[in-house]
Protein backbone atom coordinates (compact mmCIF):
# COMPACT_ATOMS: atom_id res chain seq x y z
CA MET A 1 90.27 89.50 101.64
CA LYS A 2 87.60 88.71 99.16
CA LYS A 3 88.06 90.70 96.06
CA LEU A 4 88.17 88.48 92.83
CA TYR A 5 89.44 89.66 89.39
CA PRO A 6 88.05 88.93 86.24
CA LEU A 7 91.83 88.71 84.71
CA PHE A 8 93.22 86.87 87.49
CA ILE A 9 90.64 83.45 87.47
CA LEU A 10 91.02 84.23 83.52
CA ALA A 11 94.72 83.48 84.05
CA CYS A 12 94.70 80.94 86.29
CA ALA A 13 91.95 79.53 84.53
CA ILE A 14 94.24 78.96 81.41
CA LEU A 15 97.38 78.37 83.46
CA MET A 16 95.54 74.93 85.06
CA ALA A 17 93.60 74.19 81.71
CA ALA A 18 96.19 71.01 81.74
CA ASN A 19 95.44 69.26 85.14
CA ILE A 20 91.04 69.49 84.73
CA GLN A 21 91.19 65.69 85.20
CA ALA A 22 89.30 64.32 87.92
CA GLN A 23 90.29 66.34 91.43
CA ARG A 24 90.90 63.86 94.33
CA TYR A 25 90.23 65.60 97.61
CA VAL A 26 92.09 64.46 101.14
CA LEU A 27 90.88 65.92 104.36
CA ILE A 28 93.16 65.93 106.98
CA GLU A 29 91.21 65.40 110.33
CA ALA A 30 92.56 67.99 113.28
CA SER A 31 93.92 66.40 116.36
CA ASP A 32 91.77 67.25 119.31
CA ASP A 33 95.04 66.52 121.52
CA PRO A 34 96.52 70.45 121.53
CA ALA A 35 99.54 68.86 123.01
CA ASN A 36 99.66 66.78 119.34
CA PRO A 37 98.48 68.78 116.52
CA ALA A 38 97.90 66.94 113.33
CA ASN A 39 100.94 66.46 111.21
CA ILE A 40 100.31 67.35 107.41
CA PHE A 41 104.29 65.76 106.50
CA SER A 42 103.74 62.54 106.99
CA THR A 43 100.33 62.77 105.37
CA ILE A 44 100.86 64.83 102.37
CA MET A 45 104.76 63.01 101.57
CA GLY A 46 103.49 59.21 102.11
CA ASP A 47 100.09 59.64 99.74
CA THR A 48 102.04 56.93 98.18
CA THR A 49 101.26 53.07 96.89
CA ALA A 50 103.63 50.83 98.01
CA ALA A 51 105.87 50.97 95.55
CA GLY A 52 106.54 54.75 96.37
CA ALA A 53 104.62 56.23 93.56
CA ARG A 54 101.93 59.22 94.11
CA ILE A 55 98.46 57.81 94.50
CA ASP A 56 96.50 60.62 92.52
CA ASN A 57 99.54 63.40 90.88
CA ASN A 58 96.04 65.75 91.05
CA THR A 59 95.73 65.54 94.59
CA ILE A 60 94.21 68.84 97.13
CA TYR A 61 95.12 68.04 101.09
CA GLN A 62 92.47 69.78 103.09
CA LEU A 63 92.89 71.47 106.55
CA GLU A 64 90.06 72.20 108.47
CA ASN A 65 89.17 75.75 109.29
CA GLY A 66 90.34 77.26 112.66
CA ARG A 67 92.31 74.41 113.88
CA VAL A 68 96.23 73.54 114.37
CA TYR A 69 98.23 71.96 112.07
CA VAL A 70 101.95 71.41 112.41
CA SER A 71 104.50 69.77 109.94
CA THR A 72 108.43 67.82 111.07
CA GLY A 73 109.81 67.86 107.32
CA ARG A 74 109.92 69.22 104.43
CA ILE A 75 107.49 68.95 102.00
CA VAL A 76 109.00 69.03 98.43
CA ASN A 77 106.82 68.19 95.56
CA LYS A 78 108.25 67.06 92.18
CA PRO A 79 107.14 68.40 89.04
CA GLU A 80 105.08 66.11 88.01
CA TRP A 81 103.01 67.15 91.18
CA ALA A 82 101.14 70.09 92.55
CA LEU A 83 101.49 70.58 95.71
CA GLN A 84 97.52 72.21 96.63
CA ILE A 85 96.71 72.84 100.47
CA GLU A 86 93.84 74.50 101.12
CA ALA A 87 91.12 75.24 104.31
CA VAL A 88 87.79 72.82 103.75
CA ASN A 89 85.66 76.15 103.49
CA LEU A 90 87.03 78.78 101.56
CA GLU A 91 84.06 81.26 102.42
CA ASP A 92 85.63 81.52 105.91
CA THR A 93 88.42 83.73 105.72
CA ASP A 94 88.35 84.84 109.01
CA ASN A 95 89.15 81.11 110.14
CA LYS A 96 92.12 80.38 108.31
CA ALA A 97 93.59 76.81 108.28
CA ILE A 98 96.69 77.38 111.09
CA LEU A 99 99.93 75.33 110.07
CA THR A 100 103.02 76.08 111.67
CA ARG A 101 106.40 73.76 112.69
CA ILE A 102 107.47 71.69 115.81
CA PRO A 103 110.85 70.04 115.75
CA ASN A 104 111.26 66.44 114.73
CA ALA A 105 112.37 63.83 116.58
CA SER A 106 115.80 65.32 116.71
CA GLY A 107 114.71 68.53 118.09
CA ASP A 108 114.98 70.44 114.76
CA TYR A 109 112.55 72.67 113.12
CA GLN A 110 112.53 71.74 109.66
CA ASP A 111 112.08 74.74 106.67
CA ILE A 112 107.63 74.13 105.39
CA MET A 113 108.16 73.31 101.59
CA TYR A 114 111.07 73.22 98.92
CA SER A 115 108.68 73.09 96.36
CA GLU A 116 110.02 71.85 92.71
CA GLY A 117 106.44 72.08 90.64
CA ASN A 118 103.56 74.13 91.00
CA VAL A 119 101.87 75.09 94.30
CA THR A 120 98.54 76.49 95.69
CA PHE A 121 97.87 78.14 98.93
CA LYS A 122 94.21 78.80 99.78
CA ASN A 123 93.14 80.02 103.44
CA LEU A 124 95.90 79.60 105.60
CA TRP A 125 97.80 81.00 108.27
CA ILE A 126 100.94 79.82 107.94
CA ILE A 127 104.11 80.32 110.52
CA ALA A 128 107.10 79.73 108.23
CA GLY A 129 109.96 80.17 110.79
CA GLU A 130 109.15 80.28 114.66
CA THR A 131 111.17 78.67 117.28
CA GLY A 132 111.34 79.69 120.41
CA PRO A 133 109.67 82.29 122.53
CA LEU A 134 111.09 85.58 121.45
CA GLN A 135 113.91 83.90 119.29
CA GLN A 136 115.24 84.71 115.80
CA HIS A 137 112.87 83.23 113.38
CA ASP A 138 114.13 80.84 110.75
CA TRP A 139 114.97 81.87 107.50
CA GLY A 140 113.71 81.30 104.05
CA ARG A 141 111.22 78.48 105.13
CA VAL A 142 109.32 78.69 102.11
CA ARG A 143 111.26 78.35 98.82
CA VAL A 144 110.33 77.63 95.36
CA LEU A 145 112.87 75.92 93.40
CA GLY A 146 111.01 74.27 90.65
CA GLU A 147 112.00 76.03 87.17
CA ASN A 148 108.84 77.46 85.03
CA SER A 149 106.13 76.89 88.25
CA ARG A 150 103.21 78.23 89.10
CA ILE A 151 102.48 79.81 92.26
CA ILE A 152 99.19 81.15 93.80
CA ILE A 153 98.35 82.17 97.15
CA LYS A 154 94.75 83.47 97.14
CA ASP A 155 93.42 84.60 101.30
CA CYS A 156 96.62 83.56 103.21
CA ILE A 157 98.35 85.28 105.74
CA ILE A 158 102.26 84.16 105.51
CA GLU A 159 104.41 85.31 108.82
CA LYS A 160 107.25 85.40 111.08
CA ASP A 161 110.26 84.22 108.38
CA ARG A 162 113.81 85.56 108.70
CA GLY A 163 114.72 86.03 105.03
CA GLY A 164 111.71 86.58 102.43
CA PHE A 165 108.44 85.09 102.96
CA LEU A 166 108.53 83.48 99.60
CA GLN A 167 112.05 83.15 98.79
CA LEU A 168 112.41 82.05 94.44
CA ARG A 169 115.62 80.04 93.31
CA ALA A 170 114.67 79.70 90.30
CA ASP A 171 113.80 80.80 86.63
CA GLY A 172 110.96 81.50 84.81
CA VAL A 173 107.97 81.07 88.24
CA LYS A 174 104.67 82.62 87.68
CA CYS A 175 103.58 83.65 90.81
CA TYR A 176 100.19 84.79 92.00
CA VAL A 177 99.46 86.28 95.30
CA GLU A 178 96.08 87.94 96.16
CA ASN A 179 93.84 89.04 99.18
CA SER A 180 96.30 88.08 101.53
CA ILE A 181 98.85 89.49 104.18
CA PHE A 182 103.04 88.82 104.27
CA ARG A 183 103.92 90.25 108.18
CA ASN A 184 106.69 90.01 110.52
CA GLY A 185 109.46 89.37 108.49
CA GLY A 186 113.57 90.38 109.67
CA ASN A 187 115.74 90.14 112.20
CA ARG A 188 114.23 91.22 115.57
CA ARG A 189 115.89 93.73 117.87
CA ILE A 190 119.67 93.98 115.44
CA LEU A 191 120.26 96.06 112.43
CA GLN A 192 119.88 93.53 109.66
CA GLY A 193 118.27 93.60 106.03
CA ASN A 194 116.54 90.38 105.90
CA GLY A 195 112.74 90.25 106.40
CA ARG A 196 111.16 90.93 102.61
CA GLY A 197 107.68 90.56 100.69
CA ILE A 198 108.66 88.32 97.45
CA ASP A 199 112.35 87.64 96.79
CA ALA A 200 113.05 86.78 93.53
CA ARG A 201 117.11 87.27 94.56
CA ASN A 202 118.76 86.79 90.99
CA PHE A 203 116.24 85.01 89.44
CA TYR A 204 113.95 85.98 86.81
CA MET A 205 110.34 85.50 87.23
CA ASP A 206 108.18 85.13 83.87
CA THR A 207 104.93 87.02 86.00
CA LEU A 208 104.57 88.58 89.42
CA ILE A 209 100.65 89.34 90.14
CA MET A 210 100.34 90.63 93.54
CA ARG A 211 97.10 92.43 93.80
CA ASN A 212 95.38 93.24 97.40
CA THR A 213 98.00 92.06 99.81
CA ILE A 214 99.01 93.72 103.18
CA VAL A 215 102.55 93.72 103.69
CA HIS A 216 103.44 94.90 106.99
CA ASN A 217 106.08 94.87 110.05
CA ILE A 218 109.40 93.81 108.04
CA GLN A 219 112.73 95.17 107.97
CA ASP A 220 113.59 95.23 104.36
CA ARG A 221 111.81 94.97 100.35
CA LEU A 222 108.28 94.58 99.57
CA PHE A 223 110.31 93.21 96.38
CA ARG A 224 113.25 92.48 95.99
CA SER A 225 115.01 91.55 92.40
CA GLN A 226 118.80 91.51 92.66
CA GLY A 227 121.26 90.36 90.12
CA ALA A 228 119.44 88.43 87.86
CA THR A 229 120.71 88.67 84.18
CA GLN A 230 117.61 88.83 82.44
CA PRO A 231 114.32 90.87 82.61
CA HIS A 232 111.35 89.52 84.50
CA HIS A 233 108.62 89.50 82.13
CA TYR A 234 105.71 91.29 83.79
CA ILE A 235 105.44 92.40 87.45
CA GLU A 236 102.23 93.57 88.34
CA ILE A 237 101.87 94.84 92.57
CA ASP A 238 98.25 96.26 92.34
CA HIS A 239 95.93 97.60 95.55
CA CYS A 240 98.38 96.29 97.52
CA THR A 241 98.76 98.13 101.20
CA SER A 242 102.27 98.47 102.77
CA PHE A 243 103.04 100.16 106.70
CA ASN A 244 105.78 99.71 109.07
CA THR A 245 108.15 98.94 106.32
CA VAL A 246 111.80 99.56 107.55
CA GLY A 247 113.57 99.44 104.28
CA ARG A 248 117.14 98.59 104.91
CA HIS A 249 117.21 98.08 100.81
CA GLY A 250 114.78 99.84 99.45
CA HIS A 251 110.60 99.03 98.85
CA ILE A 252 110.20 97.80 95.76
CA GLN A 253 113.25 96.68 93.90
CA LEU A 254 112.08 95.79 90.21
CA GLY A 255 115.50 95.38 89.01
CA ARG A 256 115.36 94.03 85.34
CA VAL A 257 112.32 93.77 84.03
CA LEU A 258 110.20 93.95 80.44
CA THR A 259 106.85 95.22 81.68
CA ALA A 260 105.82 96.72 85.25
CA LYS A 261 102.79 98.34 86.32
CA ILE A 262 102.71 99.50 90.36
CA THR A 263 98.97 101.17 90.75
CA ASN A 264 96.48 102.06 93.22
CA ASN A 265 98.94 101.24 96.19
CA LEU A 266 98.55 102.96 99.53
CA PHE A 267 102.20 102.90 100.54
CA ILE A 268 102.22 104.25 104.46
CA ASN A 269 106.32 105.09 105.84
CA PRO A 270 108.04 102.77 102.85
CA ILE A 271 111.64 102.99 103.94
CA MET A 272 110.82 104.31 107.17
CA MET A 273 114.64 104.69 107.92
CA GLY A 274 114.88 106.91 105.73
CA THR A 275 117.40 107.66 102.99
CA SER A 276 121.32 107.84 104.28
CA PRO A 277 124.46 107.64 102.48
CA PHE A 278 125.82 105.38 105.61
CA TYR A 279 123.09 102.60 105.05
CA THR A 280 123.18 102.17 100.94
CA ASP A 281 126.72 100.23 101.93
CA GLU A 282 125.46 97.34 100.76
CA GLN A 283 123.49 95.42 97.86
CA THR A 284 122.56 97.73 94.37
CA GLN A 285 121.40 101.36 94.82
CA PRO A 286 120.41 102.08 91.22
CA ASP A 287 121.21 105.75 92.30
CA GLY A 288 124.16 105.57 93.96
CA ASP A 289 123.74 106.81 97.88
CA GLN A 290 119.87 107.20 98.07
CA HIS A 291 117.82 104.97 98.82
CA LYS A 292 114.69 105.70 96.65
CA VAL A 293 111.17 103.52 97.11
CA ILE A 294 110.93 102.30 93.43
CA THR A 295 113.86 101.54 91.47
CA ILE A 296 115.04 99.41 88.30
CA ASP A 297 118.16 98.90 87.33
CA THR A 298 118.23 98.91 83.46
CA LEU A 299 115.85 99.97 80.09
CA TYR A 300 115.34 97.69 77.70
CA GLU A 301 114.39 98.98 74.01
CA ASN A 302 110.57 97.90 74.87
CA THR A 303 110.38 98.54 78.38
CA ALA A 304 106.86 99.08 79.48
CA LEU A 305 106.22 100.94 82.98
CA SER A 306 102.64 101.95 84.24
CA ILE A 307 102.76 103.73 87.84
CA ALA A 308 99.99 105.60 88.57
CA GLY A 309 97.63 106.35 91.41
CA ASN A 310 99.39 104.99 94.36
CA ASN A 311 99.55 107.70 97.94
CA ILE A 312 103.40 107.05 98.88
CA PHE A 313 103.42 109.32 101.81
CA TRP A 314 105.07 109.46 105.00
CA THR A 315 103.59 110.43 108.91
CA GLN A 316 104.54 113.49 110.53
CA ASP A 317 106.73 111.84 113.35
CA VAL A 318 108.70 109.89 111.23
CA ILE A 319 109.39 113.08 109.14
CA ASN A 320 109.96 114.87 112.20
CA TYR A 321 112.68 112.08 113.39
CA TRP A 322 114.61 112.35 110.17
CA ALA A 323 114.60 116.36 111.02
CA THR A 324 116.99 115.69 114.03
CA ASN A 325 119.60 113.60 112.44
CA ASP A 326 121.45 115.48 109.67
CA SER A 327 122.43 112.19 108.21
CA VAL A 328 118.97 110.92 107.13
CA SER A 329 116.75 112.95 104.97
CA MET A 330 113.58 111.45 102.78
CA PRO A 331 113.50 108.65 100.50
CA PRO A 332 112.61 110.37 96.78
CA VAL A 333 109.94 107.87 94.97
CA LEU A 334 111.12 107.08 91.66
CA SER A 335 114.07 105.80 90.62
CA GLY A 336 116.28 108.03 87.75
CA LEU A 337 115.34 105.39 85.31
CA VAL A 338 112.01 104.88 85.97
CA ALA A 339 111.56 108.37 86.06
CA GLN A 340 113.05 109.22 83.03
CA HIS A 341 111.33 106.22 81.53
CA LEU A 342 108.04 107.75 82.41
CA GLY A 343 108.46 111.45 81.60
CA ALA A 344 105.88 113.55 82.00
CA ALA A 345 103.78 110.62 83.06
CA ALA A 346 105.82 110.97 86.23
CA SER A 347 103.64 113.33 87.29
CA ASP A 348 101.01 110.84 87.39
CA ALA A 349 102.92 108.29 89.91
CA PHE A 350 101.91 109.20 92.81
CA PHE A 351 100.52 111.44 95.17
CA GLN A 352 100.73 111.96 98.89
CA GLU A 353 97.76 112.40 101.51
CA PRO A 354 98.27 111.53 104.05
CA LEU A 355 95.86 109.43 106.32
CA GLU A 356 95.00 107.17 109.10
CA LEU A 357 93.91 103.33 108.89
CA ASN A 358 91.15 102.28 111.16
CA ASN A 359 93.05 100.00 113.48
CA VAL A 360 96.97 98.49 112.57
CA PRO A 361 99.49 97.57 114.58
CA GLY A 362 101.34 100.70 116.03
CA THR A 363 104.52 102.35 114.87
CA ILE A 364 107.46 101.01 115.00
CA LEU A 365 109.71 104.51 114.36
CA GLN A 366 111.40 103.43 117.76
CA TYR A 367 113.36 100.32 115.76
CA VAL A 368 114.32 103.32 113.30
CA ILE A 369 115.38 105.59 116.33
CA ASP A 370 117.05 102.80 118.18
CA LEU A 371 118.92 101.96 115.24
CA TYR A 372 120.65 105.32 114.60
CA ASN A 373 121.48 105.63 118.46
CA ASN A 374 123.55 102.83 118.31
CA PRO A 375 123.94 100.12 115.16
CA ALA A 376 125.53 97.69 117.20
CA SER A 377 122.38 97.10 119.86
CA GLU A 378 121.38 93.69 120.51
CA ASN A 379 118.90 95.37 122.11
CA MET A 380 116.25 97.19 119.63
CA TYR A 381 112.48 97.94 119.76
CA ASP A 382 110.98 93.84 118.73
CA PHE A 383 108.99 95.63 115.22
CA ILE A 384 107.39 91.71 115.45
CA VAL A 385 104.37 92.67 116.79
CA GLU A 386 102.42 89.61 118.33
CA ASP A 387 98.65 89.24 119.35
CA GLU A 388 97.60 90.44 122.54
CA LEU A 389 96.54 86.96 123.43
CA VAL A 390 100.30 86.17 124.64
CA ALA A 391 100.06 89.18 126.74
CA GLY A 392 101.97 87.97 129.91
CA THR A 393 103.12 85.14 128.15
CA PRO A 394 106.84 84.30 127.08
CA TYR A 395 105.84 85.30 123.80
CA ASP A 396 104.96 88.98 124.86
CA SER A 397 107.70 91.87 123.67
CA GLY A 398 105.41 94.65 124.43
CA ASN A 399 104.50 94.70 121.09
CA LEU A 400 101.28 93.59 121.10
CA PHE A 401 98.05 93.85 119.02
CA ASP A 402 94.41 92.70 119.18
CA PHE A 403 94.83 91.09 114.95
CA SER A 404 90.64 89.85 116.16
CA GLU A 405 89.97 93.71 115.41
CA PHE A 406 92.77 93.85 112.64
CA ASP A 407 91.03 96.70 109.87
CA PRO A 408 93.02 98.24 107.34
CA CYS A 409 90.55 100.70 105.94
CA TYR A 410 90.29 103.99 105.28
CA GLY A 411 87.57 107.03 105.45
CA SER A 412 85.45 107.32 102.18
CA GLU A 413 86.06 110.80 102.26
CA THR A 414 89.53 110.28 101.45
CA VAL A 415 91.05 111.52 98.40
CA SER A 416 92.54 107.99 98.37
CA ALA A 417 88.46 106.49 97.98
CA THR A 418 88.19 107.79 94.49
CA ALA A 419 91.99 108.19 93.18
CA GLY A 420 92.12 104.87 92.17
CA THR A 421 92.97 104.44 87.97
CA ASP A 422 89.60 102.97 87.87
CA GLY A 423 87.76 106.14 89.75
CA GLY A 424 87.54 103.71 92.67
CA SER A 425 89.85 103.13 96.28
CA ILE A 426 93.48 102.31 96.55
CA GLY A 427 94.64 100.23 98.67
CA ALA A 428 94.16 96.41 99.43
CA VAL A 429 90.22 97.53 99.39
CA SER A 430 89.23 93.80 99.18
CA ALA A 431 89.80 93.95 102.69
CA CYS A 432 87.15 96.65 103.43
CA LEU A 433 83.51 96.52 103.04
CA ALA A 434 82.99 99.03 100.08
CA LEU A 435 83.63 102.44 102.00
CA GLY A 436 79.46 102.30 102.67
CA VAL A 437 78.97 103.32 98.90
CA PHE A 438 76.33 100.87 97.68
CA ASP A 439 72.77 102.20 96.60
CA THR A 440 70.41 100.08 98.84
CA GLU A 441 67.68 100.83 96.29
CA ALA A 442 66.57 97.55 93.48
CA ASN A 443 67.39 99.33 89.73
CA PRO A 444 65.88 97.64 86.95
CA ASN A 445 67.97 99.55 84.93
CA LEU A 446 70.64 98.04 85.87
CA ALA A 447 69.62 95.12 83.24
CA PHE A 448 70.65 92.40 84.94
CA THR A 449 70.88 89.09 83.02
CA VAL A 450 72.62 86.04 83.26
CA GLN A 451 73.56 82.83 80.20
CA PRO A 452 72.58 80.36 80.05
CA ASN A 453 70.93 79.36 83.04
CA PRO A 454 70.31 76.27 84.29
CA VAL A 455 74.33 76.74 85.04
CA GLY A 456 76.31 74.30 83.79
CA THR A 457 80.16 74.50 84.40
CA GLU A 458 79.78 78.62 83.44
CA ALA A 459 77.94 81.50 83.28
CA SER A 460 77.76 85.22 82.20
CA LEU A 461 76.74 87.32 84.87
CA ARG A 462 75.79 90.76 82.57
CA PHE A 463 74.87 94.65 84.18
CA SER A 464 74.95 97.96 82.50
CA LEU A 465 76.39 100.79 84.17
CA SER A 466 75.26 104.16 83.40
CA ARG A 467 78.26 105.75 85.30
CA SER A 468 81.78 104.58 86.93
CA GLY A 469 81.80 103.58 90.03
CA ARG A 470 82.19 100.65 92.55
CA ILE A 471 80.21 97.34 92.18
CA SER A 472 80.07 94.14 94.63
CA LEU A 473 78.46 90.35 92.98
CA THR A 474 78.16 87.85 95.04
CA VAL A 475 76.19 84.52 95.00
CA TYR A 476 74.46 82.85 97.70
CA ASP A 477 73.08 79.48 98.43
CA LEU A 478 69.35 79.24 99.52
CA THR A 479 70.51 79.31 103.45
CA GLY A 480 71.75 83.05 102.41
CA ARG A 481 75.79 81.73 103.25
CA ARG A 482 78.25 83.39 100.62
CA VAL A 483 79.19 81.60 98.32
CA GLU A 484 81.83 83.46 95.79
CA GLN A 485 82.39 86.69 95.33
CA LEU A 486 82.93 87.25 91.94
CA TYR A 487 83.82 90.70 91.36
CA ASN A 488 84.46 93.93 94.32
CA GLY A 489 85.85 96.75 92.92
CA ALA A 490 85.52 99.86 90.30
CA LEU A 491 83.83 99.91 86.96
CA LEU A 492 83.11 102.50 84.28
CA SER A 493 80.13 102.92 82.51
CA GLY A 494 78.60 100.83 80.32
CA GLU A 495 78.55 96.90 79.94
CA HIS A 496 79.91 94.47 81.77
CA SER A 497 80.16 90.91 81.61
CA ILE A 498 81.54 88.59 84.71
CA LEU A 499 82.28 84.88 83.99
CA TRP A 500 80.85 82.62 86.92
CA THR A 501 82.75 78.79 87.15
CA PRO A 502 80.78 77.23 89.69
CA ASP A 503 83.39 75.00 92.29
CA GLY A 504 82.67 71.22 91.13
CA ARG A 505 81.79 70.56 94.87
CA LEU A 506 78.60 72.58 94.78
CA ALA A 507 75.48 70.93 95.34
CA LYS A 508 72.81 70.96 92.39
CA GLY A 509 69.96 73.42 92.96
CA MET A 510 69.36 77.31 93.47
CA TYR A 511 71.66 80.09 93.87
CA PHE A 512 71.24 83.80 94.20
CA ALA A 513 73.34 86.18 92.70
CA HIS A 514 73.60 89.66 93.84
CA LEU A 515 74.97 93.09 92.31
CA GLN A 516 75.53 95.96 94.59
CA THR A 517 76.32 99.31 92.79
CA GLU A 518 76.55 102.78 93.28
CA GLU A 519 73.20 102.51 91.50
CA GLY A 520 71.14 100.12 92.64
CA THR A 521 70.66 96.24 93.19
CA MET A 522 69.16 93.64 91.60
CA ALA A 523 69.28 89.55 92.28
CA LEU A 524 68.54 86.88 90.14
CA LYS A 525 68.43 83.25 91.04
CA LEU A 526 70.58 81.00 89.60
CA MET A 527 69.98 77.15 88.70
CA LEU A 528 73.10 74.91 88.91
CA LYS A 529 72.21 71.37 87.20
């Protein structure tokens, strides 16, 4: 997934302004022995002087794309040094660097990370809690312990953690998640309340921005906040897609928050188990014995909620099953306090358009059926979906999918394709190829320019749209390789300026900026000096 939002880029630039000194890169070479993958733990934690000091607090550890790495110990960074791990080629998101675990010398599986300082993960596939074939996954293997730290997750897959994929254990965290996938969370084959996307627990966040991210095949909530004594400052969940979420305790639990923005999302079957008084028996439910999709615990004088342009619906097979169970009904979307705050704007918070994604893992409704048939069962349908490559192996649970064909997009003829607050598509649209809306004819009226050129540390790419619509702006090198996609989404009519800050590792020379719009295309030569 490739979409980059200027606001997100600006926020990251401001946050990292204090760390613009010379960057050090350390390549951790992959092993050619599949039985003995390279161990990143010893390289990262051992990157010190003889006296034990870090060699360079501003180091990026690079992993080879498409290769498998392991960690045999818990990586712990301190506040004075940021943990930065990324794939060598950040543009090759189809071949992420893979990080998993193997037992250490004592036979124990260690945590992936307990961070005490800032963290940046880019283009990684992290298999966080897998142990043996079809075994319960470990719980809470990626934890954030640094008060006021900053976490950036970009173009990553994080899966197979029984708790939360990102588990916060500190106040004041700033967390940015973009173009990522969280999947396979919770206790397999039994009734439990684990399996969360981002788990703030009882801590307050300074900022959570979650964009163009897909969450699927989890047992509990996309976002959990419960018991914090101070409100979150800012929560934004925008252009995200969720499906196959059981919703044991809800879907988006904002808890206490001052400003929240829930916009342009596609939530398919949120709280698939429906709402039942029997299952509101634990954890907080603001509206008593009902689960609701988006909830808040407290309204403050300065509370500001923006909830709009979301497609939230249940498929007919789920609705039909609920009809067979007298104790289960469709969950309301907005909790009482959310609806009260929105007032008349509540009618714009969501709409319901059933649609099908092109190619995603199949429904996990059978797990819900098994849950209600016998809550004490330890042999319910396994909602953890494995790649079909494990067919016939001990990892084959019967719930298989060809992830090489994963396609979470939908047709351009749907209402959702133009229902966003910006006039564009909703859901994690950066995973899709613009839904076929671009005009390929050259159009000089776009007035596409760049200043300055030659380009130094940054350049402003400017253009004009006569009408609102989707655009894509991408930089390529002379071989035609995509260097960076600067924007992929909808814009209003008028003048626009998008900032390009070239990666310091790019070679000097000629590049091309390619602008695609519904009104036509234009290209510019860029000289990087």
